[in-house]
Amino acid sequence: GPAGLRLVDMPVYRAEASTRLSPQAEAALAKGALVLLHSPRAASLFSQLCGTGRAQVRLAAISAAAAEGGGEGWKSISIAGLPRDQALLELAANLCQTAPE
């Protein structure tokens, strides 16, 4: 690089995957929760934790990649119009106003 400059790679946070869902999360999923997904990795991990009890769960994903990370078998999968938190929250609010099918 330019003289006098040095690049330092320093992680600023680390996310560790959960190994199981909480009893509260399992209860919400059993009732047909709407789950917001922010990344393909989170979607894949959630899919693994949810297992086969997904037929009544609706997903709202921040992007098509996040939606694909969740796999198949969900009651519905919706994708935000833009890959932004605000767009995802607006999608979720609209989905909450719509009665589940």
C-alpha atoms as a PDB file:
ATOM      1  CA  GLY A   1       0.000   0.000   0.000  1.00  0.00           C
ATOM      2  CA  PRO A   2       0.960   3.657   0.141  1.00  0.00           C
ATOM      3  CA  ALA A   3       3.994   4.514   2.240  1.00  0.00           C
ATOM      4  CA  GLY A   4       3.221   4.800   5.922  1.00  0.00           C
ATOM      5  CA  LEU A   5      -0.157   3.044   5.745  1.00  0.00           C
ATOM      6  CA  ARG A   6      -0.826  -0.411   7.090  1.00  0.00           C
ATOM      7  CA  LEU A   7      -4.000  -2.472   6.716  1.00  0.00           C
ATOM      8  CA  VAL A   8      -5.127  -4.261   9.863  1.00  0.00           C
ATOM      9  CA  ASP A   9      -7.884  -6.894   9.741  1.00  0.00           C
ATOM     10  CA  MET A  10      -9.783  -6.721  13.031  1.00  0.00           C
ATOM     11  CA  PRO A  11     -13.150  -8.393  13.704  1.00  0.00           C
ATOM     12  CA  VAL A  12     -15.526  -6.071  15.542  1.00  0.00           C
ATOM     13  CA  TYR A  13     -18.144  -8.656  16.447  1.00  0.00           C
ATOM     14  CA  ARG A  14     -18.847 -12.349  16.231  1.00  0.00           C
ATOM     15  CA  ALA A  15     -22.209 -14.040  16.014  1.00  0.00           C
ATOM     16  CA  GLU A  16     -22.484 -17.519  17.413  1.00  0.00           C
ATOM     17  CA  ALA A  17     -25.250 -19.802  16.218  1.00  0.00           C
ATOM     18  CA  SER A  18     -27.839 -21.062  18.655  1.00  0.00           C
ATOM     19  CA  THR A  19     -28.080 -24.791  19.077  1.00  0.00           C
ATOM     20  CA  ARG A  20     -31.782 -24.837  19.901  1.00  0.00           C
ATOM     21  CA  LEU A  21     -34.865 -22.642  19.918  1.00  0.00           C
ATOM     22  CA  SER A  22     -36.219 -21.327  23.194  1.00  0.00           C
ATOM     23  CA  PRO A  23     -39.500 -22.777  24.484  1.00  0.00           C
ATOM     24  CA  GLN A  24     -41.112 -19.382  23.757  1.00  0.00           C
ATOM     25  CA  ALA A  25     -39.903 -19.465  20.152  1.00  0.00           C
ATOM     26  CA  GLU A  26     -41.102 -23.042  19.703  1.00  0.00           C
ATOM     27  CA  ALA A  27     -44.535 -22.070  21.069  1.00  0.00           C
ATOM     28  CA  ALA A  28     -44.769 -19.079  18.716  1.00  0.00           C
ATOM     29  CA  LEU A  29     -43.778 -21.209  15.736  1.00  0.00           C
ATOM     30  CA  ALA A  30     -46.398 -23.804  16.631  1.00  0.00           C
ATOM     31  CA  LYS A  31     -49.010 -21.037  16.467  1.00  0.00           C
ATOM     32  CA  GLY A  32     -47.887 -19.896  13.003  1.00  0.00           C
ATOM     33  CA  ALA A  33     -45.365 -17.124  13.647  1.00  0.00           C
ATOM     34  CA  LEU A  34     -43.969 -14.701  11.105  1.00  0.00           C
ATOM     35  CA  VAL A  35     -40.160 -14.915  11.148  1.00  0.00           C
ATOM     36  CA  LEU A  36     -37.896 -12.158   9.805  1.00  0.00           C
ATOM     37  CA  LEU A  37     -34.652 -13.295   8.176  1.00  0.00           C
ATOM     38  CA  HIS A  38     -31.719 -10.950   7.625  1.00  0.00           C
ATOM     39  CA  SER A  39     -29.151 -13.173   5.917  1.00  0.00           C
ATOM     40  CA  PRO A  40     -28.718 -16.464   4.077  1.00  0.00           C
ATOM     41  CA  ARG A  41     -26.681 -17.828   7.010  1.00  0.00           C
ATOM     42  CA  ALA A  42     -29.327 -16.892   9.569  1.00  0.00           C
ATOM     43  CA  ALA A  43     -32.011 -18.381   7.341  1.00  0.00           C
ATOM     44  CA  SER A  44     -30.116 -21.636   6.968  1.00  0.00           C
ATOM     45  CA  LEU A  45     -29.469 -21.885  10.711  1.00  0.00           C
ATOM     46  CA  PHE A  46     -33.102 -21.101  11.513  1.00  0.00           C
ATOM     47  CA  SER A  47     -34.229 -23.724   9.010  1.00  0.00           C
ATOM     48  CA  GLN A  48     -32.073 -26.322  10.750  1.00  0.00           C
ATOM     49  CA  LEU A  49     -33.382 -25.356  14.193  1.00  0.00           C
ATOM     50  CA  CYS A  50     -36.993 -25.338  13.023  1.00  0.00           C
ATOM     51  CA  GLY A  51     -36.746 -28.798  11.513  1.00  0.00           C
ATOM     52  CA  THR A  52     -39.961 -30.231  10.133  1.00  0.00           C
ATOM     53  CA  GLY A  53     -42.348 -27.928  12.027  1.00  0.00           C
ATOM     54  CA  ARG A  54     -42.328 -25.286   9.340  1.00  0.00           C
ATOM     55  CA  ALA A  55     -45.576 -25.807   7.415  1.00  0.00           C
ATOM     56  CA  GLN A  56     -47.432 -23.195   9.478  1.00  0.00           C
ATOM     57  CA  VAL A  57     -44.553 -20.655   9.654  1.00  0.00           C
ATOM     58  CA  ARG A  58     -44.374 -17.593   7.389  1.00  0.00           C
ATOM     59  CA  LEU A  59     -41.016 -16.096   6.447  1.00  0.00           C
ATOM     60  CA  ALA A  60     -40.187 -12.483   5.598  1.00  0.00           C
ATOM     61  CA  ALA A  61     -36.696 -12.171   4.118  1.00  0.00           C
ATOM     62  CA  ILE A  62     -34.559  -9.090   3.580  1.00  0.00           C
ATOM     63  CA  SER A  63     -33.380 -10.432   0.189  1.00  0.00           C
ATOM     64  CA  ALA A  64     -33.895 -13.253  -2.273  1.00  0.00           C
ATOM     65  CA  ALA A  65     -30.620 -14.792  -1.066  1.00  0.00           C
ATOM     66  CA  ALA A  66     -31.884 -14.808   2.527  1.00  0.00           C
ATOM     67  CA  ALA A  67     -35.158 -16.390   1.371  1.00  0.00           C
ATOM     68  CA  GLU A  68     -33.287 -19.107  -0.534  1.00  0.00           C
ATOM     69  CA  GLY A  69     -31.169 -19.814   2.542  1.00  0.00           C
ATOM     70  CA  GLY A  70     -34.286 -20.892   4.398  1.00  0.00           C
ATOM     71  CA  GLY A  71     -35.093 -23.690   2.001  1.00  0.00           C
ATOM     72  CA  GLU A  72     -38.584 -24.978   1.275  1.00  0.00           C
ATOM     73  CA  GLY A  73     -41.653 -26.205   3.096  1.00  0.00           C
ATOM     74  CA  TRP A  74     -42.758 -22.952   4.765  1.00  0.00           C
ATOM     75  CA  LYS A  75     -46.343 -21.724   4.733  1.00  0.00           C
ATOM     76  CA  SER A  76     -45.178 -18.687   2.748  1.00  0.00           C
ATOM     77  CA  ILE A  77     -42.013 -16.775   1.906  1.00  0.00           C
ATOM     78  CA  SER A  78     -42.102 -13.038   1.195  1.00  0.00           C
ATOM     79  CA  ILE A  79     -39.145 -10.871   0.167  1.00  0.00           C
ATOM     80  CA  ALA A  80     -38.655  -7.184   1.011  1.00  0.00           C
ATOM     81  CA  GLY A  81     -38.670  -4.787  -1.937  1.00  0.00           C
ATOM     82  CA  LEU A  82     -35.242  -3.450  -0.949  1.00  0.00           C
ATOM     83  CA  PRO A  83     -32.507  -5.112   1.099  1.00  0.00           C
ATOM     84  CA  ARG A  84     -32.951  -2.672   3.994  1.00  0.00           C
ATOM     85  CA  ASP A  85     -34.237  -3.117   7.539  1.00  0.00           C
ATOM     86  CA  GLN A  86     -36.988  -0.548   6.996  1.00  0.00           C
ATOM     87  CA  ALA A  87     -38.281  -2.387   3.918  1.00  0.00           C
ATOM     88  CA  LEU A  88     -38.249  -5.688   5.820  1.00  0.00           C
ATOM     89  CA  LEU A  89     -40.138  -4.157   8.744  1.00  0.00           C
ATOM     90  CA  GLU A  90     -42.697  -2.610   6.375  1.00  0.00           C
ATOM     91  CA  LEU A  91     -43.173  -6.012   4.736  1.00  0.00           C
ATOM     92  CA  ALA A  92     -43.623  -7.641   8.131  1.00  0.00           C
ATOM     93  CA  ALA A  93     -46.161  -5.017   9.199  1.00  0.00           C
ATOM     94  CA  ASN A  94     -48.141  -5.585   5.990  1.00  0.00           C
ATOM     95  CA  LEU A  95     -48.024  -9.346   6.468  1.00  0.00           C
ATOM     96  CA  CYS A  96     -49.251  -8.981  10.044  1.00  0.00           C
ATOM     97  CA  GLN A  97     -52.256  -7.030   8.760  1.00  0.00           C
ATOM     98  CA  THR A  98     -53.062  -9.843   6.346  1.00  0.00           C
ATOM     99  CA  ALA A  99     -54.767 -12.888   7.814  1.00  0.00           C
ATOM    100  CA  PRO A 100     -52.691 -16.037   7.336  1.00  0.00           C
ATOM    101  CA  GLU A 101     -54.060 -18.294   4.632  1.00  0.00           C
END
